[in-house]
Amino acid sequence: MISEKALKEFKEIWKEEFGEEISDELALENAIALLTLTDISYRPVKKMWLEGIVPNEVLYKRYTSEK
């Protein structure tokens, strides 16, 4: 479920991006669709997947700076 605050923020962002106000029903429908798409498509990238694509020194800096 999406909170009232999150729905309000979604509607504000929608208005800023598209210049139109939308109903709570349409906002809820689009917010759920966006969350579903993000949930399905987002997966953390494994370090081994990046090997050979990103130079090792870049990986080293990235992973040592996160800790």
Protein backbone atom coordinates (compact mmCIF):
# COMPACT_ATOMS: atom_id res chain seq x y z
CA MET A 1 0.00 0.00 0.00
CA ILE A 2 1.16 3.51 -0.73
CA SER A 3 0.85 6.09 2.03
CA GLU A 4 -1.10 9.31 1.59
CA LYS A 5 2.16 11.27 1.88
CA ALA A 6 3.82 9.19 -0.86
CA LEU A 7 0.77 9.58 -3.09
CA LYS A 8 0.79 13.34 -2.58
CA GLU A 9 4.51 13.48 -3.44
CA PHE A 10 3.92 11.36 -6.53
CA LYS A 11 1.18 13.74 -7.68
CA GLU A 12 3.46 16.74 -7.13
CA ILE A 13 6.26 15.14 -9.15
CA TRP A 14 3.77 14.23 -11.89
CA LYS A 15 2.59 17.84 -12.08
CA GLU A 16 6.19 19.13 -12.25
CA GLU A 17 7.13 16.65 -14.97
CA PHE A 18 3.99 16.64 -17.11
CA GLY A 19 2.30 19.93 -16.21
CA GLU A 20 -1.01 18.35 -15.32
CA GLU A 21 -2.83 17.36 -12.16
CA ILE A 22 -4.09 13.81 -11.87
CA SER A 23 -6.66 12.14 -9.65
CA ASP A 24 -5.71 10.07 -6.63
CA GLU A 25 -6.93 6.98 -8.48
CA LEU A 26 -4.72 7.60 -11.52
CA ALA A 27 -1.77 8.56 -9.30
CA LEU A 28 -2.14 5.34 -7.31
CA GLU A 29 -2.37 3.26 -10.47
CA ASN A 30 0.75 4.85 -11.97
CA ALA A 31 2.70 4.75 -8.70
CA ILE A 32 1.99 1.04 -8.29
CA ALA A 33 2.98 0.42 -11.92
CA LEU A 34 6.26 2.28 -11.37
CA LEU A 35 7.02 0.39 -8.16
CA THR A 36 6.20 -2.93 -9.84
CA LEU A 37 8.46 -2.15 -12.79
CA THR A 38 11.28 -1.11 -10.46
CA ASP A 39 10.86 -4.26 -8.36
CA ILE A 40 10.94 -6.50 -11.43
CA SER A 41 13.80 -4.80 -13.25
CA TYR A 42 16.17 -3.75 -10.46
CA ARG A 43 18.75 -6.26 -9.37
CA PRO A 44 22.04 -5.37 -7.71
CA VAL A 45 25.02 -5.87 -10.01
CA LYS A 46 27.39 -8.57 -8.82
CA LYS A 47 31.08 -7.72 -8.78
CA MET A 48 31.89 -10.71 -10.99
CA TRP A 49 29.49 -9.41 -13.67
CA LEU A 50 31.51 -6.21 -13.92
CA GLU A 51 34.87 -7.91 -14.29
CA GLY A 52 36.15 -7.44 -17.80
CA ILE A 53 33.79 -4.51 -18.38
CA VAL A 54 34.98 -2.04 -15.76
CA PRO A 55 38.72 -1.72 -15.04
CA ASN A 56 39.70 -3.39 -11.75
CA GLU A 57 41.04 -0.15 -10.27
CA VAL A 58 37.60 1.43 -10.67
CA LEU A 59 35.99 -1.54 -8.93
CA TYR A 60 38.57 -1.40 -6.16
CA LYS A 61 37.94 2.29 -5.51
CA ARG A 62 34.18 1.83 -5.60
CA TYR A 63 34.09 -1.12 -3.19
CA THR A 64 36.68 0.22 -0.76
CA SER A 65 35.01 3.63 -0.53
CA GLU A 66 31.61 2.07 0.32
CA LYS A 67 32.87 0.36 3.48
